């Protein structure tokens, strides 16, 4: 076969085929390439594979691929009774186990109609632990996110301070991360003697540290330029994709189930709902989502202080107090379909339960994962951005793959 000889000449703007004029300004073809980020990659924050179609440095399309960390939670739940399910809930969002336990326990209690029987001391202990865990979860989200943007020291700061919370949880439950502490109808144990004082001591230590982090990192010129006006999520799009938590509030909507549903003792507590305001860029950008998480840490500190005050003055420790007094010996609800939801650190976590009225094992227990819904908006946020900005966008969503692959 005769070899086709093609000669090229270089033009100012593009390469021109001198024989056929194939590469001209009108029909210049892009060179697209498929890149796989993950599943084992520090930028994916877990075993997530992101298939990225790129045109040079620009992202044309993004497709998240799941299923690399199957927890099999929902299948396990079909073979366990309601109390035995709690340790498996810990393993979904493993950096916010207390919150997940709290949400599940409240859901089953509402289904059984025993919410009014739960002692106030139990409720305040639950909220105290949930808000401490909210701070610890946001510390993971924000510190690893700052690491994504190129700063190392703030990550070490926040991991140091998060360790104090883990030690408090280890003291109260015996475990560092997977607690099995909040039970349906009560708690495993009351708080250890001196826990309230240690908790206040930690909060007093944490306040100036968090102020320092806000000043030196969140308002840092380099961090602002890296995250402001990047990954802007309009409120209408956030609602279309059923996002929740800081991802939704970062787009300007003050939707928090602690206020909207008013569950547990949250209506008795004073706290604000931070939202994105476009202070450094556009409303709903990566900076706003980070800003909301940091501000929520300050609000959680306020809640923890109020809970400790209630536990030391209004609902004091009593030798006759039994945190397991109202824990049902056997949970066998009527045949029904029931859905319960509450506000986790990453958004709305819900549980759909189907029971047949004959067994203490649910026929179906489906978890409505906030991480799964928030991750679904990634293709909308990623298109048209630089590849380096895609890493920043992924980190701003704050996902835990144990909950996504539930």
Protein backbone atom coordinates (compact mmCIF):
# COMPACT_ATOMS: atom_id res chain seq x y z
CA UNK A 1 0.00 0.00 0.00
CA UNK A 2 1.28 3.37 -0.94
CA UNK A 3 2.30 5.46 2.00
CA UNK A 4 0.42 8.72 2.23
CA UNK A 5 2.77 11.65 2.54
CA UNK A 6 1.40 14.57 4.50
CA UNK A 7 3.31 17.74 5.09
CA UNK A 8 2.41 20.10 7.94
CA UNK A 9 3.13 23.75 8.30
CA UNK A 10 2.77 25.62 11.57
CA UNK A 11 0.40 28.52 11.67
CA UNK A 12 0.19 31.06 14.48
CA UNK A 13 -3.03 29.68 15.90
CA UNK A 14 -3.18 26.03 14.90
CA UNK A 15 -1.60 23.26 12.86
CA UNK A 16 -2.74 23.24 9.26
CA UNK A 17 -2.68 20.20 6.98
CA UNK A 18 -1.19 21.57 3.77
CA UNK A 19 -2.69 18.86 1.51
CA UNK A 20 -6.28 18.52 2.80
CA UNK A 21 -6.48 21.47 5.23
CA UNK A 22 -7.98 19.00 7.71
CA UNK A 23 -6.96 20.73 10.94
CA UNK A 24 -8.47 24.14 10.38
CA UNK A 25 -10.18 26.61 12.67
CA UNK A 26 -13.69 25.39 11.82
CA UNK A 27 -13.35 21.64 12.43
CA UNK A 28 -10.51 21.49 14.94
CA UNK A 29 -11.06 18.30 16.98
CA UNK A 30 -10.29 18.06 20.67
CA UNK A 31 -8.20 15.29 22.10
CA UNK A 32 -10.33 13.87 24.95
CA UNK A 33 -8.89 11.44 27.44
CA UNK A 34 -10.45 9.29 30.16
CA UNK A 35 -8.81 9.43 33.58
CA UNK A 36 -9.65 7.29 36.58
CA UNK A 37 -9.27 8.98 39.96
CA UNK A 38 -9.43 6.25 42.57
CA UNK A 39 -10.56 3.92 43.97
CA UNK A 40 -7.21 4.06 45.81
CA UNK A 41 -6.32 7.71 45.65
CA UNK A 42 -5.88 10.28 48.45
CA UNK A 43 -8.17 12.79 46.75
CA UNK A 44 -11.24 10.52 46.69
CA UNK A 45 -11.57 10.37 50.52
CA UNK A 46 -12.36 6.67 50.42
CA UNK A 47 -12.61 3.88 47.87
CA UNK A 48 -14.46 5.87 45.23
CA UNK A 49 -13.60 5.61 41.54
CA UNK A 50 -14.31 8.78 39.60
CA UNK A 51 -14.20 8.39 35.82
CA UNK A 52 -13.26 11.77 34.36
CA UNK A 53 -13.45 12.69 30.68
CA UNK A 54 -10.93 15.47 30.15
CA UNK A 55 -10.09 17.83 27.34
CA UNK A 56 -6.61 18.96 28.21
CA UNK A 57 -6.86 20.37 31.75
CA UNK A 58 -10.63 20.80 31.57
CA UNK A 59 -13.28 18.35 32.78
CA UNK A 60 -15.85 17.41 30.15
CA UNK A 61 -17.77 14.83 32.17
CA UNK A 62 -17.63 13.10 35.56
CA UNK A 63 -19.03 9.69 36.49
CA UNK A 64 -18.72 8.35 40.06
CA UNK A 65 -18.48 4.56 40.32
CA UNK A 66 -19.50 3.00 43.63
CA UNK A 67 -19.33 -0.44 45.19
CA UNK A 68 -15.71 -0.74 46.33
CA UNK A 69 -16.57 -0.75 50.06
CA UNK A 70 -19.73 -2.79 50.53
CA UNK A 71 -20.86 -2.69 54.16
CA UNK A 72 -23.87 -4.92 53.34
CA UNK A 73 -25.67 -3.11 56.16
CA UNK A 74 -29.16 -3.51 54.76
CA UNK A 75 -28.69 -7.24 54.19
CA UNK A 76 -27.26 -7.72 57.70
CA UNK A 77 -30.31 -5.91 59.12
CA UNK A 78 -32.63 -8.54 57.64
CA UNK A 79 -31.03 -11.16 59.91
CA UNK A 80 -30.66 -9.27 63.20
CA UNK A 81 -33.08 -7.91 65.78
CA UNK A 82 -33.41 -4.17 66.31
CA UNK A 83 -30.87 -3.89 69.14
CA UNK A 84 -28.29 -6.06 67.39
CA UNK A 85 -28.38 -3.74 64.34
CA UNK A 86 -26.78 -0.82 66.22
CA UNK A 87 -23.12 -2.01 65.91
CA UNK A 88 -23.60 -2.28 62.15
CA UNK A 89 -24.93 1.28 61.99
CA UNK A 90 -21.65 2.41 63.59
CA UNK A 91 -19.77 1.06 60.59
CA UNK A 92 -21.60 3.10 57.94
CA UNK A 93 -20.41 6.62 58.74
CA UNK A 94 -17.57 5.49 60.95
CA UNK A 95 -16.45 9.05 61.82
CA UNK A 96 -19.93 9.99 63.13
CA UNK A 97 -21.13 6.80 64.79
CA UNK A 98 -22.82 8.52 67.75
CA UNK A 99 -25.00 10.57 65.41
CA UNK A 100 -26.04 7.52 63.40
CA UNK A 101 -26.88 5.57 66.58
CA UNK A 102 -28.90 8.50 67.90
CA UNK A 103 -30.94 8.78 64.70
CA UNK A 104 -31.66 5.06 64.51
CA UNK A 105 -32.57 4.74 68.20
CA UNK A 106 -34.97 7.69 67.99
CA UNK A 107 -36.57 6.21 64.88
CA UNK A 108 -37.28 2.86 66.50
CA UNK A 109 -38.55 4.57 69.67
CA UNK A 110 -40.99 6.67 67.63
CA UNK A 111 -42.14 3.55 65.80
CA UNK A 112 -42.76 1.84 69.16
CA UNK A 113 -44.40 4.94 70.65
CA UNK A 114 -42.07 5.10 73.66
CA UNK A 115 -40.46 8.49 72.97
CA UNK A 116 -42.20 10.12 75.95
CA UNK A 117 -40.76 7.50 78.32
CA UNK A 118 -37.12 8.35 77.62
CA UNK A 119 -35.66 10.21 80.67
CA UNK A 120 -34.44 13.76 80.09
CA UNK A 121 -30.98 12.87 81.37
CA UNK A 122 -30.72 10.20 78.66
CA UNK A 123 -31.82 12.71 76.02
CA UNK A 124 -29.26 15.33 77.07
CA UNK A 125 -26.47 12.74 77.17
CA UNK A 126 -27.41 11.63 73.67
CA UNK A 127 -27.36 15.19 72.32
CA UNK A 128 -24.09 15.91 74.14
CA UNK A 129 -22.44 12.90 72.50
CA UNK A 130 -23.99 13.65 69.10
CA UNK A 131 -22.70 17.23 69.08
CA UNK A 132 -19.22 16.21 70.18
CA UNK A 133 -19.23 13.70 67.34
CA UNK A 134 -20.48 16.40 64.94
CA UNK A 135 -17.39 18.45 65.81
CA UNK A 136 -15.13 15.42 65.32
CA UNK A 137 -16.76 14.65 61.96
CA UNK A 138 -16.38 18.24 60.74
CA UNK A 139 -12.75 18.20 61.87
CA UNK A 140 -12.15 15.22 59.56
CA UNK A 141 -13.98 16.96 56.70
CA UNK A 142 -12.29 20.34 57.02
CA UNK A 143 -8.77 19.15 57.88
CA UNK A 144 -8.54 16.67 55.00
CA UNK A 145 -10.07 19.30 52.73
CA UNK A 146 -7.40 21.82 53.63
CA UNK A 147 -4.87 19.06 52.98
CA UNK A 148 -6.38 18.71 49.48
CA UNK A 149 -5.76 22.39 48.84
CA UNK A 150 -2.09 22.11 49.76
CA UNK A 151 -1.80 22.94 53.48
CA UNK A 152 -0.39 20.32 55.86
CA UNK A 153 -0.14 21.97 59.28
CA UNK A 154 -3.91 22.63 59.83
CA UNK A 155 -4.55 18.92 59.29
CA UNK A 156 -2.19 18.10 62.17
CA UNK A 157 -3.84 20.75 64.36
CA UNK A 158 -7.34 19.39 63.89
CA UNK A 159 -6.34 15.75 64.24
CA UNK A 160 -4.68 16.68 67.53
CA UNK A 161 -7.87 18.32 68.82
CA UNK A 162 -10.13 15.57 67.46
CA UNK A 163 -8.13 13.08 69.51
CA UNK A 164 -9.47 14.71 72.70
CA UNK A 165 -13.03 13.91 71.59
CA UNK A 166 -12.12 10.31 70.79
CA UNK A 167 -10.61 9.93 74.24
CA UNK A 168 -13.81 11.24 75.82
CA UNK A 169 -15.82 8.72 73.79
CA UNK A 170 -13.44 5.94 74.73
CA UNK A 171 -13.98 6.87 78.37
CA UNK A 172 -17.76 6.81 78.05
CA UNK A 173 -18.17 3.73 75.83
CA UNK A 174 -14.91 1.78 75.85
CA UNK A 175 -14.31 2.26 72.09
CA UNK A 176 -12.56 4.93 70.04
CA UNK A 177 -14.79 4.98 66.94
CA UNK A 178 -17.48 2.26 66.93
CA UNK A 179 -19.37 2.81 70.15
CA UNK A 180 -22.66 0.83 70.47
CA UNK A 181 -23.46 3.31 73.24
CA UNK A 182 -26.92 4.70 72.36
CA UNK A 183 -29.49 1.93 72.65
CA UNK A 184 -33.16 1.83 71.73
CA UNK A 185 -34.85 3.05 74.91
CA UNK A 186 -31.75 4.35 76.67
CA UNK A 187 -27.97 4.08 76.93
CA UNK A 188 -25.43 1.36 77.59
CA UNK A 189 -24.05 3.24 80.61
CA UNK A 190 -24.49 6.57 82.35
CA UNK A 191 -21.66 9.08 81.91
CA UNK A 192 -18.52 8.30 83.95
CA UNK A 193 -18.03 10.35 87.10
CA UNK A 194 -16.25 13.58 86.20
CA UNK A 195 -17.15 13.40 82.49
CA UNK A 196 -19.05 16.70 82.50
CA UNK A 197 -16.10 18.57 84.05
CA UNK A 198 -13.64 17.08 81.55
CA UNK A 199 -16.00 17.97 78.72
CA UNK A 200 -16.15 21.62 79.78
CA UNK A 201 -12.38 21.65 80.18
CA UNK A 202 -12.02 20.46 76.60
CA UNK A 203 -14.52 23.02 75.27
CA UNK A 204 -12.64 25.82 77.05
CA UNK A 205 -9.44 24.61 75.38
CA UNK A 206 -11.06 24.21 71.95
CA UNK A 207 -12.67 27.64 71.52
CA UNK A 208 -9.46 29.67 70.96
CA UNK A 209 -8.01 26.88 68.81
CA UNK A 210 -11.04 26.98 66.53
CA UNK A 211 -10.90 30.76 66.36
CA UNK A 212 -7.24 30.48 65.36
CA UNK A 213 -8.12 27.98 62.64
CA UNK A 214 -10.86 30.23 61.27
CA UNK A 215 -8.53 33.22 61.13
CA UNK A 216 -5.44 31.53 59.74
CA UNK A 217 -6.99 29.02 57.34
CA UNK A 218 -10.58 29.76 56.34
CA UNK A 219 -9.82 33.46 55.81
CA UNK A 220 -6.37 32.76 54.36
CA UNK A 221 -5.82 34.46 50.99
CA UNK A 222 -4.48 31.32 49.31
CA UNK A 223 -7.33 29.14 50.62
CA UNK A 224 -9.90 31.72 49.53
CA UNK A 225 -8.48 31.96 46.02
CA UNK A 226 -8.41 28.16 45.80
CA UNK A 227 -12.06 27.65 46.85
CA UNK A 228 -14.07 30.85 46.22
CA UNK A 229 -16.18 30.79 43.01
CA UNK A 230 -15.21 27.12 42.49
CA UNK A 231 -17.85 24.38 42.35
CA UNK A 232 -20.79 26.76 42.71
CA UNK A 233 -23.96 24.82 43.55
CA UNK A 234 -27.13 26.87 42.89
CA UNK A 235 -29.91 26.33 45.41
CA UNK A 236 -32.33 25.02 42.77
CA UNK A 237 -29.81 22.35 41.70
CA UNK A 238 -29.11 21.43 45.33
CA UNK A 239 -32.83 20.86 45.88
CA UNK A 240 -33.23 18.91 42.62
CA UNK A 241 -30.54 16.46 43.76
CA UNK A 242 -31.99 16.16 47.30
CA UNK A 243 -28.77 17.32 48.91
CA UNK A 244 -28.78 18.10 52.62
CA UNK A 245 -26.53 19.17 55.46
CA UNK A 246 -23.68 21.65 54.85
CA UNK A 247 -23.88 21.01 51.09
CA UNK A 248 -27.46 22.37 51.03
CA UNK A 249 -26.94 25.03 53.68
CA UNK A 250 -23.83 26.21 51.84
CA UNK A 251 -26.18 27.15 48.98
CA UNK A 252 -28.06 29.52 51.26
CA UNK A 253 -31.00 27.51 52.66
CA UNK A 254 -31.24 27.28 56.47
CA UNK A 255 -32.68 23.76 56.45
CA UNK A 256 -31.62 21.80 59.54
CA UNK A 257 -33.77 18.94 60.85
CA UNK A 258 -32.77 19.80 64.41
CA UNK A 259 -34.90 22.92 63.90
CA UNK A 260 -37.35 21.73 61.23
CA UNK A 261 -38.43 18.54 63.05
CA UNK A 262 -37.49 19.67 66.55
CA UNK A 263 -36.64 16.20 67.84
CA UNK A 264 -35.10 15.14 71.16
CA UNK A 265 -34.23 18.17 73.37
CA UNK A 266 -33.06 20.42 70.53
CA UNK A 267 -36.13 22.72 70.85
CA UNK A 268 -34.93 23.54 74.40
CA UNK A 269 -31.45 24.55 73.23
CA UNK A 270 -30.20 27.81 71.76
CA UNK A 271 -28.15 27.58 68.57
CA UNK A 272 -28.05 29.12 65.10
CA UNK A 273 -28.08 27.57 61.63
CA UNK A 274 -25.09 28.83 59.58
CA UNK A 275 -25.65 29.21 55.83
CA UNK A 276 -23.53 30.19 52.86
CA UNK A 277 -23.64 33.91 52.11
CA UNK A 278 -21.11 34.33 49.32
CA UNK A 279 -18.80 36.31 51.60
CA UNK A 280 -15.65 35.47 49.61
CA UNK A 281 -17.17 34.47 46.29
CA UNK A 282 -20.52 33.14 45.06
CA UNK A 283 -23.20 31.62 47.26
CA UNK A 284 -22.86 27.83 47.17
CA UNK A 285 -19.17 27.62 46.26
CA UNK A 286 -16.56 25.40 47.91
CA UNK A 287 -15.58 28.15 50.36
CA UNK A 288 -19.17 28.50 51.56
CA UNK A 289 -19.50 24.78 52.26
CA UNK A 290 -16.30 24.83 54.31
CA UNK A 291 -17.40 28.00 56.08
CA UNK A 292 -20.68 26.35 57.12
CA UNK A 293 -18.87 23.35 58.64
CA UNK A 294 -16.51 25.53 60.65
CA UNK A 295 -19.36 27.71 61.92
CA UNK A 296 -21.34 24.61 62.85
CA UNK A 297 -18.48 23.57 65.11
CA UNK A 298 -18.96 26.82 67.06
CA UNK A 299 -22.71 26.14 67.30
CA UNK A 300 -22.07 22.58 68.50
CA UNK A 301 -19.81 23.99 71.22
CA UNK A 302 -22.73 26.14 72.38
CA UNK A 303 -25.00 23.07 72.47
CA UNK A 304 -22.43 21.01 74.41
CA UNK A 305 -22.12 23.77 77.01
CA UNK A 306 -25.89 23.91 77.45
CA UNK A 307 -26.17 20.12 77.74
CA UNK A 308 -23.45 20.01 80.41
CA UNK A 309 -25.26 22.75 82.33
CA UNK A 310 -28.52 20.79 82.19
CA UNK A 311 -26.79 17.57 83.28
CA UNK A 312 -25.07 19.20 86.24
CA UNK A 313 -27.98 21.39 87.46
CA UNK A 314 -31.42 20.29 86.23
CA UNK A 315 -30.88 16.58 85.56
CA UNK A 316 -28.16 15.63 87.98
CA UNK A 317 -26.51 12.28 88.41
CA UNK A 318 -28.55 9.96 90.67
CA UNK A 319 -27.52 6.59 92.08
CA UNK A 320 -31.00 5.26 91.35
CA UNK A 321 -30.82 6.36 87.70
CA UNK A 322 -30.80 3.41 85.32
CA UNK A 323 -30.11 4.33 81.67
CA UNK A 324 -31.42 0.90 80.61
CA UNK A 325 -34.69 1.14 82.53
CA UNK A 326 -36.81 1.68 79.42
CA UNK A 327 -34.78 -0.51 77.05
CA UNK A 328 -37.31 -3.05 75.71
CA UNK A 329 -36.46 -6.68 76.40
CA UNK A 330 -37.78 -7.59 72.98
CA UNK A 331 -38.75 -5.23 70.18
CA UNK A 332 -41.69 -6.54 68.17
CA UNK A 333 -43.59 -3.63 66.59
CA UNK A 334 -46.87 -3.91 64.73
CA UNK A 335 -46.87 -4.63 61.02
CA UNK A 336 -46.09 -1.29 59.36
CA UNK A 337 -43.86 0.73 57.10
CA UNK A 338 -42.08 3.53 58.96
CA UNK A 339 -39.54 6.20 58.06
CA UNK A 340 -37.51 8.19 60.58
CA UNK A 341 -34.96 10.91 59.84
CA UNK A 342 -32.69 13.34 61.67
CA UNK A 343 -29.73 15.66 61.04
CA UNK A 344 -26.33 14.01 60.89
CA UNK A 345 -23.07 15.93 60.38
CA UNK A 346 -23.30 15.39 56.63
CA UNK A 347 -27.05 15.84 56.20
CA UNK A 348 -30.31 13.96 56.49
CA UNK A 349 -29.81 10.35 57.55
CA UNK A 350 -33.02 8.33 57.46
CA UNK A 351 -34.12 4.77 58.06
CA UNK A 352 -37.06 3.08 56.37
CA UNK A 353 -38.30 0.10 58.40
CA UNK A 354 -40.78 -2.57 57.36
CA UNK A 355 -42.06 -4.99 60.01
CA UNK A 356 -44.53 -7.86 59.83
CA UNK A 357 -45.72 -7.81 63.45
CA UNK A 358 -44.59 -11.40 64.04
CA UNK A 359 -40.82 -11.07 64.46
CA UNK A 360 -38.32 -8.84 66.23
CA UNK A 361 -36.27 -8.85 63.01
CA UNK A 362 -37.23 -6.22 60.39
CA UNK A 363 -38.30 -7.50 56.99
CA UNK A 364 -36.54 -4.53 55.43
CA UNK A 365 -34.33 -1.79 56.82
CA UNK A 366 -33.14 0.70 54.24
CA UNK A 367 -30.79 3.56 55.07
CA UNK A 368 -31.30 6.87 53.29
CA UNK A 369 -27.69 7.99 52.99
CA UNK A 370 -27.01 11.74 52.90
CA UNK A 371 -23.53 11.01 51.51
CA UNK A 372 -25.03 9.06 48.59
CA UNK A 373 -27.42 11.91 47.68
CA UNK A 374 -24.73 14.59 48.07
CA UNK A 375 -22.32 12.61 45.89
CA UNK A 376 -24.91 12.44 43.10
CA UNK A 377 -24.46 16.17 42.42
CA UNK A 378 -20.74 15.75 41.61
CA UNK A 379 -21.24 15.48 37.80
CA UNK A 380 -23.11 18.80 37.83
CA UNK A 381 -20.40 20.53 39.84
CA UNK A 382 -17.44 19.02 37.99
CA UNK A 383 -18.24 19.80 34.35
CA UNK A 384 -16.32 22.67 32.82
CA UNK A 385 -13.87 23.05 35.68
CA UNK A 386 -10.14 22.45 35.72
CA UNK A 387 -9.03 18.97 36.72
CA UNK A 388 -7.26 20.39 39.77
CA UNK A 389 -10.51 22.10 40.80
CA UNK A 390 -12.35 18.78 40.60
CA UNK A 391 -10.27 17.56 43.55
CA UNK A 392 -11.30 20.66 45.51
CA UNK A 393 -14.97 20.11 44.59
CA UNK A 394 -14.94 16.46 45.67
CA UNK A 395 -13.44 17.35 49.03
CA UNK A 396 -16.07 20.03 49.63
CA UNK A 397 -18.90 17.49 49.44
CA UNK A 398 -17.55 15.47 52.41
CA UNK A 399 -18.51 11.86 51.74
CA UNK A 400 -17.86 8.69 53.71
CA UNK A 401 -17.89 5.66 51.45
CA UNK A 402 -19.03 3.33 54.23
CA UNK A 403 -22.37 5.15 54.16
CA UNK A 404 -22.49 5.47 50.37
CA UNK A 405 -21.86 1.73 49.90
CA UNK A 406 -24.20 0.80 52.73
